[in-house]
Amino acid sequence: MPKRKKAPSPKFDLLEDGFDDDLSSNDDKPGTPIQRNAANARERARMRVLSKAFFNLKRNIPWVPADTKLSKLDTLRLAKNYITYLAATLDGQSVEDFSSNLTQ
């Protein structure tokens, strides 16, 4: 079955309608290539910092072997459970009380 072509949309001349010139600019992408490259570099640096933080967090969870691949969500869940365990230990709860709290 052949593809149907879209009907062309009507084009309006914004200048004739009294609109400002800045509304009719042809810039689809904001910023210059230099600005975009700088933003990309900042984003890559931000992601490196975030990945390193997750790596350090995973390394400090005692129940996870070093060679285990975890998602960020799994890392956060295990860290939360470990923090809950440590708090329960400080409060004097037994291991059974702690494990029943994890399942809730």
N, C-alpha and C. Protein backbone atom coordinates (compact mmCIF):
# COMPACT_ATOMS: atom_id res chain seq x y z
N MET A 1 0.85 -1.17 0.00
CA MET A 1 0.00 0.00 0.00
C MET A 1 0.90 1.23 0.00
N PRO A 2 0.73 2.14 -0.95
CA PRO A 2 1.59 3.32 -1.03
C PRO A 2 1.30 4.28 0.11
N LYS A 3 2.36 4.97 0.53
CA LYS A 3 2.21 5.96 1.60
C LYS A 3 1.51 7.20 1.07
N ARG A 4 0.66 7.74 1.90
CA ARG A 4 -0.01 8.98 1.52
C ARG A 4 0.82 10.15 1.98
N LYS A 5 0.89 11.14 1.17
CA LYS A 5 1.63 12.35 1.53
C LYS A 5 0.72 13.25 2.35
N LYS A 6 1.33 13.92 3.32
CA LYS A 6 0.58 14.88 4.12
C LYS A 6 0.26 16.09 3.28
N ALA A 7 -0.89 16.63 3.52
CA ALA A 7 -1.26 17.87 2.84
C ALA A 7 -0.39 18.98 3.38
N PRO A 8 0.10 19.85 2.52
CA PRO A 8 0.95 20.94 3.02
C PRO A 8 0.16 21.86 3.93
N SER A 9 0.81 22.27 5.02
CA SER A 9 0.15 23.18 5.95
C SER A 9 0.22 24.60 5.39
N PRO A 10 -0.81 25.37 5.66
CA PRO A 10 -0.79 26.75 5.15
C PRO A 10 0.31 27.54 5.83
N LYS A 11 1.01 28.35 5.07
CA LYS A 11 2.09 29.18 5.61
C LYS A 11 1.60 30.62 5.68
N PHE A 12 1.86 31.21 6.81
CA PHE A 12 1.44 32.59 7.02
C PHE A 12 2.66 33.47 7.09
N ASP A 13 2.57 34.61 6.56
CA ASP A 13 3.65 35.58 6.67
C ASP A 13 3.40 36.39 7.93
N LEU A 14 4.18 36.12 8.96
CA LEU A 14 3.97 36.76 10.25
C LEU A 14 4.23 38.26 10.18
N LEU A 15 5.12 38.67 9.31
CA LEU A 15 5.42 40.10 9.22
C LEU A 15 4.24 40.88 8.65
N GLU A 16 3.53 40.30 7.72
CA GLU A 16 2.37 40.99 7.15
C GLU A 16 1.23 41.08 8.14
N ASP A 17 1.17 40.14 9.08
CA ASP A 17 0.10 40.14 10.06
C ASP A 17 0.41 41.05 11.24
N GLY A 18 1.56 41.69 11.24
CA GLY A 18 1.90 42.63 12.30
C GLY A 18 2.64 42.01 13.46
N PHE A 19 3.09 40.77 13.34
CA PHE A 19 3.84 40.14 14.42
C PHE A 19 5.29 40.57 14.35
N ASP A 20 5.97 40.44 15.48
CA ASP A 20 7.37 40.83 15.55
C ASP A 20 8.24 39.93 14.69
N ASP A 21 9.37 40.47 14.28
CA ASP A 21 10.32 39.75 13.44
C ASP A 21 10.93 38.56 14.17
N ASP A 22 11.09 38.64 15.50
CA ASP A 22 11.76 37.56 16.22
C ASP A 22 10.93 36.29 16.27
N LEU A 23 9.64 36.38 16.05
CA LEU A 23 8.81 35.20 16.05
C LEU A 23 8.98 34.38 14.78
N SER A 24 9.47 35.00 13.73
CA SER A 24 9.57 34.30 12.45
C SER A 24 10.98 33.82 12.16
N SER A 25 11.84 33.73 13.18
CA SER A 25 13.21 33.29 12.93
C SER A 25 13.20 31.81 12.56
N ASN A 26 14.20 31.38 11.83
CA ASN A 26 14.29 30.01 11.36
C ASN A 26 15.12 29.13 12.28
N ASP A 27 15.47 29.59 13.46
CA ASP A 27 16.30 28.83 14.39
C ASP A 27 15.45 27.75 15.06
N ASP A 28 15.63 26.51 14.63
CA ASP A 28 14.93 25.41 15.26
C ASP A 28 15.66 24.94 16.51
N LYS A 29 16.98 25.08 16.52
CA LYS A 29 17.80 24.62 17.64
C LYS A 29 18.33 25.82 18.40
N PRO A 30 18.15 25.82 19.73
CA PRO A 30 18.67 26.94 20.51
C PRO A 30 20.19 26.88 20.63
N GLY A 31 20.82 28.03 20.60
CA GLY A 31 22.26 28.11 20.83
C GLY A 31 23.09 27.78 19.61
N THR A 32 24.33 28.12 19.72
CA THR A 32 25.28 27.85 18.64
C THR A 32 25.90 26.48 18.85
N PRO A 33 26.59 25.96 17.85
CA PRO A 33 27.27 24.67 18.05
C PRO A 33 28.28 24.70 19.20
N ILE A 34 28.92 25.84 19.41
CA ILE A 34 29.88 25.95 20.52
C ILE A 34 29.16 25.83 21.86
N GLN A 35 27.99 26.48 21.97
CA GLN A 35 27.22 26.38 23.21
C GLN A 35 26.72 24.95 23.42
N ARG A 36 26.28 24.32 22.34
CA ARG A 36 25.79 22.94 22.43
C ARG A 36 26.90 22.00 22.87
N ASN A 37 28.10 22.17 22.30
CA ASN A 37 29.24 21.34 22.69
C ASN A 37 29.60 21.55 24.15
N ALA A 38 29.54 22.79 24.61
CA ALA A 38 29.83 23.08 26.02
C ALA A 38 28.79 22.43 26.92
N ALA A 39 27.52 22.51 26.52
CA ALA A 39 26.45 21.88 27.31
C ALA A 39 26.62 20.36 27.33
N ASN A 40 26.99 19.79 26.20
CA ASN A 40 27.23 18.34 26.15
C ASN A 40 28.38 17.94 27.06
N ALA A 41 29.44 18.73 27.08
CA ALA A 41 30.58 18.44 27.95
C ALA A 41 30.18 18.52 29.42
N ARG A 42 29.37 19.53 29.77
CA ARG A 42 28.90 19.64 31.16
C ARG A 42 28.03 18.44 31.54
N GLU A 43 27.18 18.01 30.62
CA GLU A 43 26.32 16.86 30.89
C GLU A 43 27.14 15.58 31.06
N ARG A 44 28.15 15.40 30.22
CA ARG A 44 29.02 14.22 30.36
C ARG A 44 29.75 14.24 31.71
N ALA A 45 30.22 15.41 32.12
CA ALA A 45 30.91 15.53 33.41
C ALA A 45 29.94 15.24 34.55
N ARG A 46 28.71 15.73 34.45
CA ARG A 46 27.70 15.48 35.47
C ARG A 46 27.40 13.98 35.57
N MET A 47 27.29 13.33 34.43
CA MET A 47 27.00 11.89 34.43
C MET A 47 28.18 11.08 34.99
N ARG A 48 29.41 11.53 34.74
CA ARG A 48 30.58 10.85 35.32
C ARG A 48 30.54 10.95 36.84
N VAL A 49 30.22 12.13 37.36
CA VAL A 49 30.14 12.32 38.82
C VAL A 49 29.04 11.43 39.40
N LEU A 50 27.90 11.39 38.74
CA LEU A 50 26.78 10.58 39.21
C LEU A 50 27.13 9.08 39.18
N SER A 51 27.76 8.64 38.11
CA SER A 51 28.16 7.22 38.02
C SER A 51 29.18 6.86 39.09
N LYS A 52 30.11 7.76 39.35
CA LYS A 52 31.11 7.51 40.39
C LYS A 52 30.44 7.43 41.76
N ALA A 53 29.45 8.28 42.00
CA ALA A 53 28.73 8.25 43.28
C ALA A 53 27.98 6.93 43.45
N PHE A 54 27.34 6.45 42.39
CA PHE A 54 26.65 5.16 42.47
C PHE A 54 27.64 4.03 42.69
N PHE A 55 28.79 4.09 42.03
CA PHE A 55 29.83 3.07 42.22
C PHE A 55 30.27 3.03 43.68
N ASN A 56 30.53 4.21 44.26
CA ASN A 56 30.97 4.27 45.66
C ASN A 56 29.87 3.80 46.60
N LEU A 57 28.62 4.13 46.29
CA LEU A 57 27.51 3.68 47.12
C LEU A 57 27.41 2.15 47.08
N LYS A 58 27.49 1.58 45.89
CA LYS A 58 27.41 0.12 45.74
C LYS A 58 28.56 -0.56 46.48
N ARG A 59 29.73 0.03 46.42
CA ARG A 59 30.91 -0.54 47.07
C ARG A 59 30.75 -0.58 48.59
N ASN A 60 29.94 0.32 49.14
CA ASN A 60 29.77 0.39 50.59
C ASN A 60 28.58 -0.40 51.11
N ILE A 61 27.87 -1.08 50.23
CA ILE A 61 26.79 -1.96 50.67
C ILE A 61 27.40 -3.33 50.91
N PRO A 62 27.38 -3.83 52.16
CA PRO A 62 28.14 -5.05 52.47
C PRO A 62 27.58 -6.32 51.86
N TRP A 63 26.32 -6.36 51.48
CA TRP A 63 25.71 -7.59 50.99
C TRP A 63 25.94 -7.81 49.49
N VAL A 64 26.60 -6.90 48.83
CA VAL A 64 26.74 -6.99 47.37
C VAL A 64 28.18 -7.35 47.01
N PRO A 65 28.38 -8.47 46.31
CA PRO A 65 29.74 -8.79 45.84
C PRO A 65 30.23 -7.73 44.85
N ALA A 66 31.53 -7.54 44.81
CA ALA A 66 32.11 -6.47 43.99
C ALA A 66 31.84 -6.64 42.50
N ASP A 67 31.72 -7.89 42.05
CA ASP A 67 31.53 -8.11 40.62
C ASP A 67 30.06 -8.13 40.19
N THR A 68 29.15 -7.82 41.10
CA THR A 68 27.73 -7.83 40.79
C THR A 68 27.33 -6.57 40.05
N LYS A 69 26.59 -6.75 38.96
CA LYS A 69 26.09 -5.62 38.18
C LYS A 69 24.71 -5.26 38.71
N LEU A 70 24.56 -4.05 39.19
CA LEU A 70 23.28 -3.59 39.72
C LEU A 70 22.81 -2.37 38.95
N SER A 71 21.50 -2.26 38.80
CA SER A 71 20.96 -1.04 38.23
C SER A 71 21.02 0.05 39.29
N LYS A 72 20.84 1.27 38.87
CA LYS A 72 20.85 2.38 39.83
C LYS A 72 19.70 2.24 40.82
N LEU A 73 18.56 1.79 40.33
CA LEU A 73 17.41 1.60 41.20
C LEU A 73 17.70 0.51 42.24
N ASP A 74 18.28 -0.60 41.81
CA ASP A 74 18.63 -1.67 42.75
C ASP A 74 19.65 -1.19 43.78
N THR A 75 20.61 -0.39 43.33
CA THR A 75 21.61 0.15 44.25
C THR A 75 20.95 1.02 45.31
N LEU A 76 20.02 1.87 44.88
CA LEU A 76 19.32 2.74 45.84
C LEU A 76 18.47 1.93 46.80
N ARG A 77 17.80 0.91 46.30
CA ARG A 77 16.97 0.07 47.18
C ARG A 77 17.83 -0.66 48.22
N LEU A 78 18.94 -1.24 47.77
CA LEU A 78 19.82 -1.94 48.72
C LEU A 78 20.43 -0.98 49.74
N ALA A 79 20.78 0.21 49.29
CA ALA A 79 21.33 1.21 50.21
C ALA A 79 20.29 1.61 51.25
N LYS A 80 19.05 1.79 50.80
CA LYS A 80 17.96 2.13 51.73
C LYS A 80 17.77 1.02 52.75
N ASN A 81 17.78 -0.23 52.29
CA ASN A 81 17.63 -1.36 53.21
C ASN A 81 18.79 -1.43 54.20
N TYR A 82 19.98 -1.14 53.73
CA TYR A 82 21.15 -1.17 54.62
C TYR A 82 21.06 -0.06 55.66
N ILE A 83 20.63 1.11 55.25
CA ILE A 83 20.46 2.22 56.20
C ILE A 83 19.38 1.87 57.22
N THR A 84 18.30 1.24 56.76
CA THR A 84 17.24 0.81 57.68
C THR A 84 17.78 -0.22 58.66
N TYR A 85 18.59 -1.14 58.16
CA TYR A 85 19.22 -2.15 59.02
C TYR A 85 20.11 -1.50 60.07
N LEU A 86 20.92 -0.54 59.65
CA LEU A 86 21.81 0.14 60.61
C LEU A 86 21.00 0.91 61.65
N ALA A 87 19.93 1.56 61.22
CA ALA A 87 19.08 2.29 62.17
C ALA A 87 18.43 1.32 63.15
N ALA A 88 17.98 0.17 62.65
CA ALA A 88 17.36 -0.83 63.53
C ALA A 88 18.38 -1.37 64.52
N THR A 89 19.61 -1.55 64.08
CA THR A 89 20.67 -2.02 64.96
C THR A 89 20.93 -1.01 66.08
N LEU A 90 20.94 0.26 65.72
CA LEU A 90 21.14 1.30 66.73
C LEU A 90 19.99 1.35 67.72
N ASP A 91 18.77 1.05 67.24
CA ASP A 91 17.60 1.07 68.12
C ASP A 91 17.48 -0.20 68.95
N GLY A 92 18.36 -1.17 68.70
CA GLY A 92 18.34 -2.40 69.48
C GLY A 92 17.35 -3.43 68.97
N GLN A 93 16.85 -3.29 67.75
CA GLN A 93 15.93 -4.29 67.21
C GLN A 93 16.70 -5.55 66.84
N SER A 94 15.99 -6.67 66.91
CA SER A 94 16.62 -7.93 66.51
C SER A 94 16.58 -8.06 64.99
N VAL A 95 17.33 -9.00 64.47
CA VAL A 95 17.39 -9.23 63.03
C VAL A 95 16.01 -9.64 62.50
N GLU A 96 15.24 -10.39 63.29
CA GLU A 96 13.91 -10.82 62.87
C GLU A 96 12.99 -9.61 62.69
N ASP A 97 13.06 -8.65 63.63
CA ASP A 97 12.25 -7.44 63.50
C ASP A 97 12.64 -6.67 62.25
N PHE A 98 13.92 -6.63 61.98
CA PHE A 98 14.40 -5.90 60.81
C PHE A 98 13.89 -6.54 59.52
N SER A 99 14.00 -7.87 59.43
CA SER A 99 13.59 -8.53 58.19
C SER A 99 12.09 -8.43 57.99
N SER A 100 11.30 -8.37 59.05
CA SER A 100 9.86 -8.19 58.87
C SER A 100 9.55 -6.78 58.39
N ASN A 101 10.36 -5.80 58.77
CA ASN A 101 10.16 -4.43 58.29
C ASN A 101 10.51 -4.29 56.81
N LEU A 102 11.44 -5.08 56.32
CA LEU A 102 11.83 -5.00 54.91
C LEU A 102 10.73 -5.48 53.98
N THR A 103 9.96 -6.46 54.41
CA THR A 103 8.93 -7.02 53.54
C THR A 103 7.70 -6.14 53.47
N GLN A 104 7.58 -5.17 54.33
CA GLN A 104 6.40 -4.30 54.33
C GLN A 104 6.53 -3.19 53.33
